[in-house]
Amino acid sequence: MEQLTGIEYEKDATGRTRYIRIDIDKYGENETLQDFLDGIEVMFNKDKETVTLQEFNEHIDKRLKEYV
């Protein structure tokens, strides 16, 4: 496999490719990469508490009224 600039493959002790290091400065605007990273973030946060959009909007409205 030809090595791309800005992408490094790392192997574990057994020689199996396990990790990929990607230069964000070079590939950070890539939509597919961004979708992949978003998916990882969703998996990481899947068990965290969430609020509905309505709850969020009510909270923001309340906070904004405090400044008026």
PDB file of N, CA and C in Angstrom:
ATOM      1  N   MET A   1       0.842  -1.164   0.000  1.00  0.00           N
ATOM      2  CA  MET A   1       0.000   0.000   0.000  1.00  0.00           C
ATOM      3  C   MET A   1       0.896   1.240   0.000  1.00  0.00           C
ATOM      4  N   GLU A   2       0.612   2.174  -0.900  1.00  0.00           N
ATOM      5  CA  GLU A   2       1.407   3.396  -1.001  1.00  0.00           C
ATOM      6  C   GLU A   2       1.072   4.339   0.144  1.00  0.00           C
ATOM      7  N   GLN A   3       2.087   4.895   0.783  1.00  0.00           N
ATOM      8  CA  GLN A   3       1.909   5.795   1.926  1.00  0.00           C
ATOM      9  C   GLN A   3       1.527   7.184   1.420  1.00  0.00           C
ATOM     10  N   LEU A   4       0.466   7.744   1.972  1.00  0.00           N
ATOM     11  CA  LEU A   4       0.059   9.112   1.668  1.00  0.00           C
ATOM     12  C   LEU A   4       0.790  10.066   2.597  1.00  0.00           C
ATOM     13  N   THR A   5       1.086  11.259   2.133  1.00  0.00           N
ATOM     14  CA  THR A   5       1.703  12.230   3.021  1.00  0.00           C
ATOM     15  C   THR A   5       0.658  12.690   4.026  1.00  0.00           C
ATOM     16  N   GLY A   6       1.066  12.828   5.283  1.00  0.00           N
ATOM     17  CA  GLY A   6       0.155  13.275   6.326  1.00  0.00           C
ATOM     18  C   GLY A   6      -0.638  12.153   6.970  1.00  0.00           C
ATOM     19  N   ILE A   7      -0.401  10.919   6.546  1.00  0.00           N
ATOM     20  CA  ILE A   7      -1.079   9.764   7.145  1.00  0.00           C
ATOM     21  C   ILE A   7      -0.020   8.718   7.493  1.00  0.00           C
ATOM     22  N   GLU A   8      -0.004   8.316   8.758  1.00  0.00           N
ATOM     23  CA  GLU A   8       0.949   7.310   9.216  1.00  0.00           C
ATOM     24  C   GLU A   8       0.189   6.123   9.800  1.00  0.00           C
ATOM     25  N   TYR A   9       0.631   4.934   9.450  1.00  0.00           N
ATOM     26  CA  TYR A   9       0.049   3.711   9.980  1.00  0.00           C
ATOM     27  C   TYR A   9       0.963   3.190  11.069  1.00  0.00           C
ATOM     28  N   GLU A  10       0.401   2.830  12.204  1.00  0.00           N
ATOM     29  CA  GLU A  10       1.203   2.301  13.305  1.00  0.00           C
ATOM     30  C   GLU A  10       0.800   0.859  13.581  1.00  0.00           C
ATOM     31  N   LYS A  11       1.790   0.043  13.841  1.00  0.00           N
ATOM     32  CA  LYS A  11       1.559  -1.383  14.081  1.00  0.00           C
ATOM     33  C   LYS A  11       1.735  -1.706  15.552  1.00  0.00           C
ATOM     34  N   ASP A  12       1.064  -2.764  15.998  1.00  0.00           N
ATOM     35  CA  ASP A  12       1.237  -3.220  17.376  1.00  0.00           C
ATOM     36  C   ASP A  12       2.439  -4.162  17.442  1.00  0.00           C
ATOM     37  N   ALA A  13       2.654  -4.764  18.598  1.00  0.00           N
ATOM     38  CA  ALA A  13       3.821  -5.630  18.804  1.00  0.00           C
ATOM     39  C   ALA A  13       3.829  -6.845  17.886  1.00  0.00           C
ATOM     40  N   THR A  14       2.651  -7.262  17.410  1.00  0.00           N
ATOM     41  CA  THR A  14       2.585  -8.434  16.533  1.00  0.00           C
ATOM     42  C   THR A  14       2.740  -8.074  15.067  1.00  0.00           C
ATOM     43  N   GLY A  15       2.862  -6.762  14.769  1.00  0.00           N
ATOM     44  CA  GLY A  15       3.010  -6.328  13.385  1.00  0.00           C
ATOM     45  C   GLY A  15       1.705  -5.998  12.689  1.00  0.00           C
ATOM     46  N   ARG A  16       0.616  -6.113  13.402  1.00  0.00           N
ATOM     47  CA  ARG A  16      -0.697  -5.819  12.829  1.00  0.00           C
ATOM     48  C   ARG A  16      -0.963  -4.309  12.870  1.00  0.00           C
ATOM     49  N   THR A  17      -1.424  -3.737  11.757  1.00  0.00           N
ATOM     50  CA  THR A  17      -1.764  -2.318  11.733  1.00  0.00           C
ATOM     51  C   THR A  17      -2.941  -2.084  12.659  1.00  0.00           C
ATOM     52  N   ARG A  18      -2.744  -1.185  13.636  1.00  0.00           N
ATOM     53  CA  ARG A  18      -3.771  -0.947  14.647  1.00  0.00           C
ATOM     54  C   ARG A  18      -4.208   0.506  14.725  1.00  0.00           C
ATOM     55  N   TYR A  19      -3.346   1.414  14.339  1.00  0.00           N
ATOM     56  CA  TYR A  19      -3.625   2.833  14.523  1.00  0.00           C
ATOM     57  C   TYR A  19      -3.298   3.610  13.257  1.00  0.00           C
ATOM     58  N   ILE A  20      -4.016   4.688  13.068  1.00  0.00           N
ATOM     59  CA  ILE A  20      -3.737   5.602  11.966  1.00  0.00           C
ATOM     60  C   ILE A  20      -3.580   6.985  12.561  1.00  0.00           C
ATOM     61  N   ARG A  21      -2.518   7.661  12.211  1.00  0.00           N
ATOM     62  CA  ARG A  21      -2.285   9.043  12.632  1.00  0.00           C
ATOM     63  C   ARG A  21      -2.535   9.920  11.404  1.00  0.00           C
ATOM     64  N   ILE A  22      -3.445  10.895  11.549  1.00  0.00           N
ATOM     65  CA  ILE A  22      -3.844  11.746  10.426  1.00  0.00           C
ATOM     66  C   ILE A  22      -3.496  13.192  10.734  1.00  0.00           C
ATOM     67  N   ASP A  23      -2.827  13.855   9.797  1.00  0.00           N
ATOM     68  CA  ASP A  23      -2.472  15.263   9.928  1.00  0.00           C
ATOM     69  C   ASP A  23      -3.744  16.099   9.743  1.00  0.00           C
ATOM     70  N   ILE A  24      -4.229  16.661  10.859  1.00  0.00           N
ATOM     71  CA  ILE A  24      -5.475  17.437  10.827  1.00  0.00           C
ATOM     72  C   ILE A  24      -5.291  18.714  10.008  1.00  0.00           C
ATOM     73  N   ASP A  25      -4.089  19.305  10.042  1.00  0.00           N
ATOM     74  CA  ASP A  25      -3.854  20.506   9.231  1.00  0.00           C
ATOM     75  C   ASP A  25      -4.050  20.212   7.751  1.00  0.00           C
ATOM     76  N   LYS A  26      -3.700  19.013   7.336  1.00  0.00           N
ATOM     77  CA  LYS A  26      -3.800  18.648   5.923  1.00  0.00           C
ATOM     78  C   LYS A  26      -5.192  18.103   5.562  1.00  0.00           C
ATOM     79  N   TYR A  27      -5.789  17.292   6.439  1.00  0.00           N
ATOM     80  CA  TYR A  27      -7.035  16.602   6.110  1.00  0.00           C
ATOM     81  C   TYR A  27      -8.218  17.011   6.980  1.00  0.00           C
ATOM     82  N   GLY A  28      -8.032  17.999   7.841  1.00  0.00           N
ATOM     83  CA  GLY A  28      -9.074  18.372   8.798  1.00  0.00           C
ATOM     84  C   GLY A  28     -10.371  18.858   8.187  1.00  0.00           C
ATOM     85  N   GLU A  29     -10.328  19.377   6.973  1.00  0.00           N
ATOM     86  CA  GLU A  29     -11.550  19.870   6.322  1.00  0.00           C
ATOM     87  C   GLU A  29     -12.259  18.778   5.510  1.00  0.00           C
ATOM     88  N   ASN A  30     -11.719  17.578   5.508  1.00  0.00           N
ATOM     89  CA  ASN A  30     -12.310  16.479   4.758  1.00  0.00           C
ATOM     90  C   ASN A  30     -13.631  16.068   5.399  1.00  0.00           C
ATOM     91  N   GLU A  31     -14.714  16.133   4.636  1.00  0.00           N
ATOM     92  CA  GLU A  31     -16.046  15.871   5.172  1.00  0.00           C
ATOM     93  C   GLU A  31     -16.195  14.436   5.685  1.00  0.00           C
ATOM     94  N   THR A  32     -15.619  13.486   4.998  1.00  0.00           N
ATOM     95  CA  THR A  32     -15.702  12.098   5.435  1.00  0.00           C
ATOM     96  C   THR A  32     -14.978  11.903   6.762  1.00  0.00           C
ATOM     97  N   LEU A  33     -13.811  12.514   6.907  1.00  0.00           N
ATOM     98  CA  LEU A  33     -13.078  12.430   8.167  1.00  0.00           C
ATOM     99  C   LEU A  33     -13.877  13.092   9.287  1.00  0.00           C
ATOM    100  N   GLN A  34     -14.476  14.241   9.015  1.00  0.00           N
ATOM    101  CA  GLN A  34     -15.282  14.922  10.018  1.00  0.00           C
ATOM    102  C   GLN A  34     -16.473  14.060  10.442  1.00  0.00           C
ATOM    103  N   ASP A  35     -17.130  13.404   9.486  1.00  0.00           N
ATOM    104  CA  ASP A  35     -18.242  12.509   9.811  1.00  0.00           C
ATOM    105  C   ASP A  35     -17.767  11.358  10.693  1.00  0.00           C
ATOM    106  N   PHE A  36     -16.614  10.787  10.371  1.00  0.00           N
ATOM    107  CA  PHE A  36     -16.043   9.697  11.158  1.00  0.00           C
ATOM    108  C   PHE A  36     -15.782  10.151  12.592  1.00  0.00           C
ATOM    109  N   LEU A  37     -15.151  11.318  12.745  1.00  0.00           N
ATOM    110  CA  LEU A  37     -14.842  11.832  14.074  1.00  0.00           C
ATOM    111  C   LEU A  37     -16.122  12.171  14.844  1.00  0.00           C
ATOM    112  N   ASP A  38     -17.139  12.694  14.154  1.00  0.00           N
ATOM    113  CA  ASP A  38     -18.422  12.963  14.797  1.00  0.00           C
ATOM    114  C   ASP A  38     -19.034  11.669  15.321  1.00  0.00           C
ATOM    115  N   GLY A  39     -18.928  10.606  14.529  1.00  0.00           N
ATOM    116  CA  GLY A  39     -19.461   9.312  14.950  1.00  0.00           C
ATOM    117  C   GLY A  39     -18.769   8.788  16.198  1.00  0.00           C
ATOM    118  N   ILE A  40     -17.462   8.965  16.273  1.00  0.00           N
ATOM    119  CA  ILE A  40     -16.724   8.547  17.464  1.00  0.00           C
ATOM    120  C   ILE A  40     -17.183   9.355  18.671  1.00  0.00           C
ATOM    121  N   GLU A  41     -17.384  10.656  18.479  1.00  0.00           N
ATOM    122  CA  GLU A  41     -17.833  11.496  19.591  1.00  0.00           C
ATOM    123  C   GLU A  41     -19.219  11.076  20.069  1.00  0.00           C
ATOM    124  N   VAL A  42     -20.103  10.727  19.148  1.00  0.00           N
ATOM    125  CA  VAL A  42     -21.440  10.249  19.517  1.00  0.00           C
ATOM    126  C   VAL A  42     -21.326   8.965  20.333  1.00  0.00           C
ATOM    127  N   MET A  43     -20.491   8.035  19.897  1.00  0.00           N
ATOM    128  CA  MET A  43     -20.306   6.783  20.637  1.00  0.00           C
ATOM    129  C   MET A  43     -19.775   7.064  22.042  1.00  0.00           C
ATOM    130  N   PHE A  44     -18.856   8.009  22.162  1.00  0.00           N
ATOM    131  CA  PHE A  44     -18.266   8.349  23.447  1.00  0.00           C
ATOM    132  C   PHE A  44     -19.303   8.938  24.401  1.00  0.00           C
ATOM    133  N   ASN A  45     -20.250   9.708  23.858  1.00  0.00           N
ATOM    134  CA  ASN A  45     -21.228  10.419  24.685  1.00  0.00           C
ATOM    135  C   ASN A  45     -22.583   9.729  24.777  1.00  0.00           C
ATOM    136  N   LYS A  46     -22.717   8.520  24.236  1.00  0.00           N
ATOM    137  CA  LYS A  46     -24.035   7.890  24.136  1.00  0.00           C
ATOM    138  C   LYS A  46     -24.710   7.637  25.477  1.00  0.00           C
ATOM    139  N   ASP A  47     -23.959   7.455  26.545  1.00  0.00           N
ATOM    140  CA  ASP A  47     -24.564   7.169  27.843  1.00  0.00           C
ATOM    141  C   ASP A  47     -24.684   8.394  28.740  1.00  0.00           C
ATOM    142  N   LYS A  48     -24.293   9.540  28.220  1.00  0.00           N
ATOM    143  CA  LYS A  48     -24.381  10.765  29.012  1.00  0.00           C
ATOM    144  C   LYS A  48     -25.800  11.329  28.971  1.00  0.00           C
ATOM    145  N   GLU A  49     -26.119  12.090  30.005  1.00  0.00           N
ATOM    146  CA  GLU A  49     -27.448  12.684  30.104  1.00  0.00           C
ATOM    147  C   GLU A  49     -27.645  13.706  28.982  1.00  0.00           C
ATOM    148  N   THR A  50     -28.844  13.744  28.436  1.00  0.00           N
ATOM    149  CA  THR A  50     -29.172  14.691  27.384  1.00  0.00           C
ATOM    150  C   THR A  50     -30.397  15.507  27.795  1.00  0.00           C
ATOM    151  N   VAL A  51     -30.619  16.597  27.076  1.00  0.00           N
ATOM    152  CA  VAL A  51     -31.820  17.406  27.270  1.00  0.00           C
ATOM    153  C   VAL A  51     -32.504  17.553  25.925  1.00  0.00           C
ATOM    154  N   THR A  52     -33.805  17.763  25.971  1.00  0.00           N
ATOM    155  CA  THR A  52     -34.532  17.965  24.727  1.00  0.00           C
ATOM    156  C   THR A  52     -34.261  19.373  24.214  1.00  0.00           C
ATOM    157  N   LEU A  53     -34.565  19.602  22.955  1.00  0.00           N
ATOM    158  CA  LEU A  53     -34.410  20.931  22.386  1.00  0.00           C
ATOM    159  C   LEU A  53     -35.294  21.929  23.121  1.00  0.00           C
ATOM    160  N   GLN A  54     -36.498  21.501  23.477  1.00  0.00           N
ATOM    161  CA  GLN A  54     -37.416  22.384  24.210  1.00  0.00           C
ATOM    162  C   GLN A  54     -36.821  22.771  25.573  1.00  0.00           C
ATOM    163  N   GLU A  55     -36.250  21.808  26.293  1.00  0.00           N
ATOM    164  CA  GLU A  55     -35.620  22.107  27.578  1.00  0.00           C
ATOM    165  C   GLU A  55     -34.450  23.076  27.410  1.00  0.00           C
ATOM    166  N   PHE A  56     -33.681  22.864  26.381  1.00  0.00           N
ATOM    167  CA  PHE A  56     -32.543  23.741  26.110  1.00  0.00           C
ATOM    168  C   PHE A  56     -33.018  25.163  25.819  1.00  0.00           C
ATOM    169  N   ASN A  57     -34.017  25.277  24.951  1.00  0.00           N
ATOM    170  CA  ASN A  57     -34.544  26.593  24.600  1.00  0.00           C
ATOM    171  C   ASN A  57     -35.127  27.302  25.812  1.00  0.00           C
ATOM    172  N   GLU A  58     -35.824  26.584  26.669  1.00  0.00           N
ATOM    173  CA  GLU A  58     -36.382  27.183  27.882  1.00  0.00           C
ATOM    174  C   GLU A  58     -35.265  27.687  28.795  1.00  0.00           C
ATOM    175  N   HIS A  59     -34.204  26.914  28.906  1.00  0.00           N
ATOM    176  CA  HIS A  59     -33.064  27.322  29.725  1.00  0.00           C
ATOM    177  C   HIS A  59     -32.424  28.604  29.168  1.00  0.00           C
ATOM    178  N   ILE A  60     -32.235  28.645  27.863  1.00  0.00           N
ATOM    179  CA  ILE A  60     -31.638  29.828  27.226  1.00  0.00           C
ATOM    180  C   ILE A  60     -32.543  31.035  27.401  1.00  0.00           C
ATOM    181  N   ASP A  61     -33.841  30.856  27.177  1.00  0.00           N
ATOM    182  CA  ASP A  61     -34.788  31.973  27.351  1.00  0.00           C
ATOM    183  C   ASP A  61     -34.725  32.517  28.772  1.00  0.00           C
ATOM    184  N   LYS A  62     -34.668  31.622  29.743  1.00  0.00           N
ATOM    185  CA  LYS A  62     -34.593  32.044  31.142  1.00  0.00           C
ATOM    186  C   LYS A  62     -33.314  32.832  31.403  1.00  0.00           C
ATOM    187  N   ARG A  63     -32.200  32.337  30.892  1.00  0.00           N
ATOM    188  CA  ARG A  63     -30.918  33.015  31.081  1.00  0.00           C
ATOM    189  C   ARG A  63     -30.900  34.377  30.402  1.00  0.00           C
ATOM    190  N   LEU A  64     -31.478  34.469  29.209  1.00  0.00           N
ATOM    191  CA  LEU A  64     -31.492  35.736  28.487  1.00  0.00           C
ATOM    192  C   LEU A  64     -32.350  36.786  29.210  1.00  0.00           C
ATOM    193  N   LYS A  65     -33.428  36.340  29.816  1.00  0.00           N
ATOM    194  CA  LYS A  65     -34.307  37.275  30.560  1.00  0.00           C
ATOM    195  C   LYS A  65     -33.583  37.860  31.768  1.00  0.00           C
ATOM    196  N   GLU A  66     -32.626  37.144  32.319  1.00  0.00           N
ATOM    197  CA  GLU A  66     -31.854  37.644  33.451  1.00  0.00           C
ATOM    198  C   GLU A  66     -30.982  38.838  33.051  1.00  0.00           C
ATOM    199  N   TYR A  67     -30.631  38.944  31.781  1.00  0.00           N
ATOM    200  CA  TYR A  67     -29.760  40.012  31.322  1.00  0.00           C
ATOM    201  C   TYR A  67     -30.522  41.202  30.760  1.00  0.00           C
ATOM    202  N   VAL A  68     -31.821  41.101  30.631  1.00  0.00           N
ATOM    203  CA  VAL A  68     -32.624  42.193  30.063  1.00  0.00           C
ATOM    204  C   VAL A  68     -33.125  43.110  31.129  1.00  0.00           C
TER     205      VAL A  68
END
